[in-house]
């Protein structure tokens, strides 16, 4: 858990265990999660996620450009 997360969510070992379990289940590293969180945070208010019978939909509420460095 990053220092910023510890400040925001507390220094909870239970939270760390849950996060590590989820990351293991989805086969994602902590480093990847740490890179994705700022992106998600910056566009969270501009996106609406919906779940339907056949899958999921993402609705963009604003014009959004996402740039990913190589």
PDB file of N, CA and C in Angstrom:
ATOM      1  N   UNK A   1       0.853  -1.165   0.000  1.00  0.00           N
ATOM      2  CA  UNK A   1       0.000   0.000   0.000  1.00  0.00           C
ATOM      3  C   UNK A   1       0.900   1.229   0.000  1.00  0.00           C
ATOM      4  N   UNK A   2       0.621   2.154  -0.872  1.00  0.00           N
ATOM      5  CA  UNK A   2       1.446   3.355  -0.965  1.00  0.00           C
ATOM      6  C   UNK A   2       1.233   4.237   0.264  1.00  0.00           C
ATOM      7  N   UNK A   3       2.164   5.149   0.481  1.00  0.00           N
ATOM      8  CA  UNK A   3       2.052   6.059   1.622  1.00  0.00           C
ATOM      9  C   UNK A   3       0.793   6.920   1.527  1.00  0.00           C
ATOM     10  N   UNK A   4       0.462   7.356   0.306  1.00  0.00           N
ATOM     11  CA  UNK A   4      -0.750   8.163   0.113  1.00  0.00           C
ATOM     12  C   UNK A   4      -1.993   7.358   0.490  1.00  0.00           C
ATOM     13  N   UNK A   5      -2.036   6.082   0.069  1.00  0.00           N
ATOM     14  CA  UNK A   5      -3.169   5.229   0.415  1.00  0.00           C
ATOM     15  C   UNK A   5      -3.264   5.025   1.925  1.00  0.00           C
ATOM     16  N   UNK A   6      -2.107   4.861   2.579  1.00  0.00           N
ATOM     17  CA  UNK A   6      -2.107   4.677   4.028  1.00  0.00           C
ATOM     18  C   UNK A   6      -2.678   5.896   4.731  1.00  0.00           C
ATOM     19  N   UNK A   7      -2.332   7.080   4.224  1.00  0.00           N
ATOM     20  CA  UNK A   7      -2.874   8.307   4.808  1.00  0.00           C
ATOM     21  C   UNK A   7      -4.384   8.378   4.607  1.00  0.00           C
ATOM     22  N   UNK A   8      -4.831   7.981   3.416  1.00  0.00           N
ATOM     23  CA  UNK A   8      -6.250   8.102   3.085  1.00  0.00           C
ATOM     24  C   UNK A   8      -7.093   6.996   3.711  1.00  0.00           C
ATOM     25  N   UNK A   9      -6.599   5.763   3.689  1.00  0.00           N
ATOM     26  CA  UNK A   9      -7.404   4.626   4.129  1.00  0.00           C
ATOM     27  C   UNK A   9      -6.980   4.040   5.465  1.00  0.00           C
ATOM     28  N   UNK A  10      -5.886   4.503   6.004  1.00  0.00           N
ATOM     29  CA  UNK A  10      -5.389   3.946   7.250  1.00  0.00           C
ATOM     30  C   UNK A  10      -4.386   2.846   6.981  1.00  0.00           C
ATOM     31  N   UNK A  11      -3.669   2.504   7.992  1.00  0.00           N
ATOM     32  CA  UNK A  11      -2.601   1.517   7.860  1.00  0.00           C
ATOM     33  C   UNK A  11      -3.141   0.140   8.222  1.00  0.00           C
ATOM     34  N   UNK A  12      -4.146  -0.308   7.527  1.00  0.00           N
ATOM     35  CA  UNK A  12      -4.849  -1.532   7.868  1.00  0.00           C
ATOM     36  C   UNK A  12      -4.248  -2.744   7.165  1.00  0.00           C
ATOM     37  N   UNK A  13      -3.797  -3.713   7.943  1.00  0.00           N
ATOM     38  CA  UNK A  13      -3.253  -4.931   7.357  1.00  0.00           C
ATOM     39  C   UNK A  13      -4.355  -5.748   6.702  1.00  0.00           C
ATOM     40  N   UNK A  14      -5.590  -5.600   7.175  1.00  0.00           N
ATOM     41  CA  UNK A  14      -6.710  -6.314   6.553  1.00  0.00           C
ATOM     42  C   UNK A  14      -6.929  -5.795   5.134  1.00  0.00           C
ATOM     43  N   UNK A  15      -6.865  -4.478   4.963  1.00  0.00           N
ATOM     44  CA  UNK A  15      -7.001  -3.897   3.624  1.00  0.00           C
ATOM     45  C   UNK A  15      -5.920  -4.425   2.701  1.00  0.00           C
ATOM     46  N   UNK A  16      -4.687  -4.493   3.202  1.00  0.00           N
ATOM     47  CA  UNK A  16      -3.588  -5.022   2.394  1.00  0.00           C
ATOM     48  C   UNK A  16      -3.841  -6.468   1.993  1.00  0.00           C
ATOM     49  N   UNK A  17      -4.336  -7.277   2.917  1.00  0.00           N
ATOM     50  CA  UNK A  17      -4.619  -8.680   2.600  1.00  0.00           C
ATOM     51  C   UNK A  17      -5.690  -8.802   1.525  1.00  0.00           C
ATOM     52  N   UNK A  18      -6.729  -8.004   1.635  1.00  0.00           N
ATOM     53  CA  UNK A  18      -7.810  -8.038   0.642  1.00  0.00           C
ATOM     54  C   UNK A  18      -7.291  -7.601  -0.718  1.00  0.00           C
ATOM     55  N   UNK A  19      -6.532  -6.511  -0.745  1.00  0.00           N
ATOM     56  CA  UNK A  19      -5.974  -6.021  -2.011  1.00  0.00           C
ATOM     57  C   UNK A  19      -5.072  -7.068  -2.637  1.00  0.00           C
ATOM     58  N   UNK A  20      -4.199  -7.674  -1.844  1.00  0.00           N
ATOM     59  CA  UNK A  20      -3.287  -8.696  -2.371  1.00  0.00           C
ATOM     60  C   UNK A  20      -4.057  -9.901  -2.904  1.00  0.00           C
ATOM     61  N   UNK A  21      -5.132 -10.299  -2.234  1.00  0.00           N
ATOM     62  CA  UNK A  21      -5.959 -11.423  -2.692  1.00  0.00           C
ATOM     63  C   UNK A  21      -6.616 -11.101  -4.029  1.00  0.00           C
ATOM     64  N   UNK A  22      -7.189  -9.902  -4.147  1.00  0.00           N
ATOM     65  CA  UNK A  22      -7.836  -9.502  -5.400  1.00  0.00           C
ATOM     66  C   UNK A  22      -6.812  -9.427  -6.523  1.00  0.00           C
ATOM     67  N   UNK A  23      -5.655  -8.836  -6.256  1.00  0.00           N
ATOM     68  CA  UNK A  23      -4.611  -8.742  -7.280  1.00  0.00           C
ATOM     69  C   UNK A  23      -4.175 -10.128  -7.744  1.00  0.00           C
ATOM     70  N   UNK A  24      -4.044 -11.050  -6.812  1.00  0.00           N
ATOM     71  CA  UNK A  24      -3.669 -12.421  -7.172  1.00  0.00           C
ATOM     72  C   UNK A  24      -4.759 -13.065  -8.032  1.00  0.00           C
ATOM     73  N   UNK A  25      -6.017 -12.857  -7.654  1.00  0.00           N
ATOM     74  CA  UNK A  25      -7.138 -13.442  -8.395  1.00  0.00           C
ATOM     75  C   UNK A  25      -7.222 -12.927  -9.829  1.00  0.00           C
ATOM     76  N   UNK A  26      -6.888 -11.656 -10.037  1.00  0.00           N
ATOM     77  CA  UNK A  26      -6.968 -11.090 -11.388  1.00  0.00           C
ATOM     78  C   UNK A  26      -5.610 -11.067 -12.085  1.00  0.00           C
ATOM     79  N   UNK A  27      -4.610 -11.661 -11.436  1.00  0.00           N
ATOM     80  CA  UNK A  27      -3.267 -11.780 -12.010  1.00  0.00           C
ATOM     81  C   UNK A  27      -2.679 -10.404 -12.366  1.00  0.00           C
ATOM     82  N   UNK A  28      -2.736  -9.485 -11.404  1.00  0.00           N
ATOM     83  CA  UNK A  28      -2.199  -8.140 -11.608  1.00  0.00           C
ATOM     84  C   UNK A  28      -1.171  -7.850 -10.521  1.00  0.00           C
ATOM     85  N   UNK A  29      -0.097  -7.189 -10.903  1.00  0.00           N
ATOM     86  CA  UNK A  29       0.924  -6.835  -9.929  1.00  0.00           C
ATOM     87  C   UNK A  29       0.558  -5.551  -9.199  1.00  0.00           C
ATOM     88  N   UNK A  30       1.164  -5.352  -8.060  1.00  0.00           N
ATOM     89  CA  UNK A  30       0.962  -4.122  -7.288  1.00  0.00           C
ATOM     90  C   UNK A  30       1.461  -2.910  -8.075  1.00  0.00           C
ATOM     91  N   UNK A  31       2.550  -3.092  -8.811  1.00  0.00           N
ATOM     92  CA  UNK A  31       3.096  -1.999  -9.616  1.00  0.00           C
ATOM     93  C   UNK A  31       2.102  -1.555 -10.684  1.00  0.00           C
ATOM     94  N   UNK A  32       1.452  -2.507 -11.333  1.00  0.00           N
ATOM     95  CA  UNK A  32       0.447  -2.178 -12.344  1.00  0.00           C
ATOM     96  C   UNK A  32      -0.724  -1.449 -11.708  1.00  0.00           C
ATOM     97  N   UNK A  33      -1.178  -1.921 -10.569  1.00  0.00           N
ATOM     98  CA  UNK A  33      -2.271  -1.255  -9.864  1.00  0.00           C
ATOM     99  C   UNK A  33      -1.894   0.183  -9.517  1.00  0.00           C
ATOM    100  N   UNK A  34      -0.674   0.374  -9.033  1.00  0.00           N
ATOM    101  CA  UNK A  34      -0.221   1.721  -8.671  1.00  0.00           C
ATOM    102  C   UNK A  34      -0.170   2.656  -9.876  1.00  0.00           C
ATOM    103  N   UNK A  35       0.053   2.109 -11.066  1.00  0.00           N
ATOM    104  CA  UNK A  35       0.054   2.927 -12.284  1.00  0.00           C
ATOM    105  C   UNK A  35      -1.367   3.227 -12.762  1.00  0.00           C
ATOM    106  N   UNK A  36      -2.279   2.297 -12.547  1.00  0.00           N
ATOM    107  CA  UNK A  36      -3.652   2.447 -13.024  1.00  0.00           C
ATOM    108  C   UNK A  36      -4.474   3.386 -12.143  1.00  0.00           C
ATOM    109  N   UNK A  37      -4.252   3.366 -10.845  1.00  0.00           N
ATOM    110  CA  UNK A  37      -5.065   4.162  -9.914  1.00  0.00           C
ATOM    111  C   UNK A  37      -5.100   5.643 -10.261  1.00  0.00           C
ATOM    112  N   UNK A  38      -3.967   6.302 -10.556  1.00  0.00           N
ATOM    113  CA  UNK A  38      -4.054   7.728 -10.915  1.00  0.00           C
ATOM    114  C   UNK A  38      -4.871   7.978 -12.183  1.00  0.00           C
ATOM    115  N   UNK A  39      -4.778   7.068 -13.137  1.00  0.00           N
ATOM    116  CA  UNK A  39      -5.555   7.213 -14.373  1.00  0.00           C
ATOM    117  C   UNK A  39      -7.041   7.101 -14.061  1.00  0.00           C
ATOM    118  N   UNK A  40      -7.396   6.085 -13.309  1.00  0.00           N
ATOM    119  CA  UNK A  40      -8.800   5.880 -12.957  1.00  0.00           C
ATOM    120  C   UNK A  40      -9.327   7.055 -12.138  1.00  0.00           C
ATOM    121  N   UNK A  41      -8.536   7.511 -11.196  1.00  0.00           N
ATOM    122  CA  UNK A  41      -8.963   8.630 -10.346  1.00  0.00           C
ATOM    123  C   UNK A  41      -9.216   9.888 -11.150  1.00  0.00           C
ATOM    124  N   UNK A  42      -8.377  10.125 -12.153  1.00  0.00           N
ATOM    125  CA  UNK A  42      -8.511  11.365 -12.920  1.00  0.00           C
ATOM    126  C   UNK A  42      -9.714  11.356 -13.859  1.00  0.00           C
ATOM    127  N   UNK A  43     -10.200  10.178 -14.248  1.00  0.00           N
ATOM    128  CA  UNK A  43     -11.329  10.127 -15.176  1.00  0.00           C
ATOM    129  C   UNK A  43     -12.596   9.546 -14.551  1.00  0.00           C
ATOM    130  N   UNK A  44     -12.549   9.230 -13.261  1.00  0.00           N
ATOM    131  CA  UNK A  44     -13.677   8.553 -12.611  1.00  0.00           C
ATOM    132  C   UNK A  44     -14.987   9.326 -12.727  1.00  0.00           C
ATOM    133  N   UNK A  45     -14.930  10.642 -12.622  1.00  0.00           N
ATOM    134  CA  UNK A  45     -16.156  11.436 -12.701  1.00  0.00           C
ATOM    135  C   UNK A  45     -16.691  11.551 -14.115  1.00  0.00           C
ATOM    136  N   UNK A  46     -15.900  11.159 -15.091  1.00  0.00           N
ATOM    137  CA  UNK A  46     -16.289  11.308 -16.492  1.00  0.00           C
ATOM    138  C   UNK A  46     -16.786  10.015 -17.113  1.00  0.00           C
ATOM    139  N   UNK A  47     -16.791   8.938 -16.346  1.00  0.00           N
ATOM    140  CA  UNK A  47     -17.156   7.628 -16.889  1.00  0.00           C
ATOM    141  C   UNK A  47     -18.259   7.007 -16.040  1.00  0.00           C
ATOM    142  N   UNK A  48     -19.181   6.361 -16.722  1.00  0.00           N
ATOM    143  CA  UNK A  48     -20.240   5.621 -16.042  1.00  0.00           C
ATOM    144  C   UNK A  48     -20.130   4.159 -16.463  1.00  0.00           C
ATOM    145  N   UNK A  49     -19.983   3.257 -15.498  1.00  0.00           N
ATOM    146  CA  UNK A  49     -19.910   1.830 -15.772  1.00  0.00           C
ATOM    147  C   UNK A  49     -21.273   1.210 -15.489  1.00  0.00           C
ATOM    148  N   UNK A  50     -21.733   0.363 -16.404  1.00  0.00           N
ATOM    149  CA  UNK A  50     -23.009  -0.325 -16.230  1.00  0.00           C
ATOM    150  C   UNK A  50     -22.821  -1.813 -16.485  1.00  0.00           C
ATOM    151  N   UNK A  51     -23.595  -2.625 -15.770  1.00  0.00           N
ATOM    152  CA  UNK A  51     -23.555  -4.066 -15.958  1.00  0.00           C
ATOM    153  C   UNK A  51     -24.895  -4.515 -16.508  1.00  0.00           C
ATOM    154  N   UNK A  52     -24.847  -5.276 -17.593  1.00  0.00           N
ATOM    155  CA  UNK A  52     -26.057  -5.817 -18.182  1.00  0.00           C
ATOM    156  C   UNK A  52     -26.037  -7.332 -18.144  1.00  0.00           C
ATOM    157  N   UNK A  53     -27.043  -7.955 -18.734  1.00  0.00           N
ATOM    158  CA  UNK A  53     -27.119  -9.415 -18.745  1.00  0.00           C
ATOM    159  C   UNK A  53     -25.983 -10.051 -19.534  1.00  0.00           C
ATOM    160  N   UNK A  54     -25.553  -9.379 -20.610  1.00  0.00           N
ATOM    161  CA  UNK A  54     -24.540  -9.954 -21.491  1.00  0.00           C
ATOM    162  C   UNK A  54     -23.140  -9.418 -21.238  1.00  0.00           C
ATOM    163  N   UNK A  55     -23.007  -8.393 -20.423  1.00  0.00           N
ATOM    164  CA  UNK A  55     -21.679  -7.841 -20.183  1.00  0.00           C
ATOM    165  C   UNK A  55     -21.740  -6.468 -19.546  1.00  0.00           C
ATOM    166  N   UNK A  56     -20.710  -5.707 -19.793  1.00  0.00           N
ATOM    167  CA  UNK A  56     -20.558  -4.398 -19.177  1.00  0.00           C
ATOM    168  C   UNK A  56     -20.498  -3.318 -20.248  1.00  0.00           C
ATOM    169  N   UNK A  57     -20.900  -2.115 -19.881  1.00  0.00           N
ATOM    170  CA  UNK A  57     -20.773  -0.988 -20.798  1.00  0.00           C
ATOM    171  C   UNK A  57     -20.075   0.156 -20.078  1.00  0.00           C
ATOM    172  N   UNK A  58     -19.356   0.943 -20.853  1.00  0.00           N
ATOM    173  CA  UNK A  58     -18.685   2.127 -20.341  1.00  0.00           C
ATOM    174  C   UNK A  58     -19.214   3.312 -21.122  1.00  0.00           C
ATOM    175  N   UNK A  59     -19.763   4.284 -20.423  1.00  0.00           N
ATOM    176  CA  UNK A  59     -20.300   5.482 -21.060  1.00  0.00           C
ATOM    177  C   UNK A  59     -19.415   6.665 -20.670  1.00  0.00           C
ATOM    178  N   UNK A  60     -18.869   7.335 -21.674  1.00  0.00           N
ATOM    179  CA  UNK A  60     -18.046   8.507 -21.434  1.00  0.00           C
ATOM    180  C   UNK A  60     -18.940   9.733 -21.406  1.00  0.00           C
ATOM    181  N   UNK A  61     -18.906  10.488 -20.312  1.00  0.00           N
ATOM    182  CA  UNK A  61     -19.742  11.670 -20.148  1.00  0.00           C
ATOM    183  C   UNK A  61     -19.098  12.916 -20.746  1.00  0.00           C
ATOM    184  N   UNK A  62     -17.804  12.864 -20.989  1.00  0.00           N
ATOM    185  CA  UNK A  62     -17.068  14.000 -21.551  1.00  0.00           C
ATOM    186  C   UNK A  62     -16.108  13.469 -22.603  1.00  0.00           C
ATOM    187  N   UNK A  63     -15.561  14.379 -23.397  1.00  0.00           N
ATOM    188  CA  UNK A  63     -14.502  13.981 -24.321  1.00  0.00           C
ATOM    189  C   UNK A  63     -13.265  13.648 -23.497  1.00  0.00           C
ATOM    190  N   UNK A  64     -12.746  12.457 -23.698  1.00  0.00           N
ATOM    191  CA  UNK A  64     -11.608  12.000 -22.912  1.00  0.00           C
ATOM    192  C   UNK A  64     -10.533  11.478 -23.849  1.00  0.00           C
ATOM    193  N   UNK A  65      -9.303  11.866 -23.586  1.00  0.00           N
ATOM    194  CA  UNK A  65      -8.147  11.317 -24.290  1.00  0.00           C
ATOM    195  C   UNK A  65      -7.270  10.635 -23.259  1.00  0.00           C
ATOM    196  N   UNK A  66      -6.851   9.436 -23.561  1.00  0.00           N
ATOM    197  CA  UNK A  66      -5.978   8.693 -22.661  1.00  0.00           C
ATOM    198  C   UNK A  66      -4.675   8.427 -23.396  1.00  0.00           C
ATOM    199  N   UNK A  67      -3.583   8.862 -22.811  1.00  0.00           N
ATOM    200  CA  UNK A  67      -2.263   8.645 -23.384  1.00  0.00           C
ATOM    201  C   UNK A  67      -1.499   7.705 -22.472  1.00  0.00           C
ATOM    202  N   UNK A  68      -0.911   6.677 -23.056  1.00  0.00           N
ATOM    203  CA  UNK A  68      -0.143   5.706 -22.286  1.00  0.00           C
ATOM    204  C   UNK A  68       1.272   5.689 -22.833  1.00  0.00           C
ATOM    205  N   UNK A  69       2.239   5.972 -21.959  1.00  0.00           N
ATOM    206  CA  UNK A  69       3.640   5.954 -22.369  1.00  0.00           C
ATOM    207  C   UNK A  69       4.087   4.527 -22.635  1.00  0.00           C
ATOM    208  N   UNK A  70       4.983   4.375 -23.616  1.00  0.00           N
ATOM    209  CA  UNK A  70       5.543   3.051 -23.914  1.00  0.00           C
ATOM    210  C   UNK A  70       6.649   2.727 -22.946  1.00  0.00           C
TER     211      UNK A  70
END
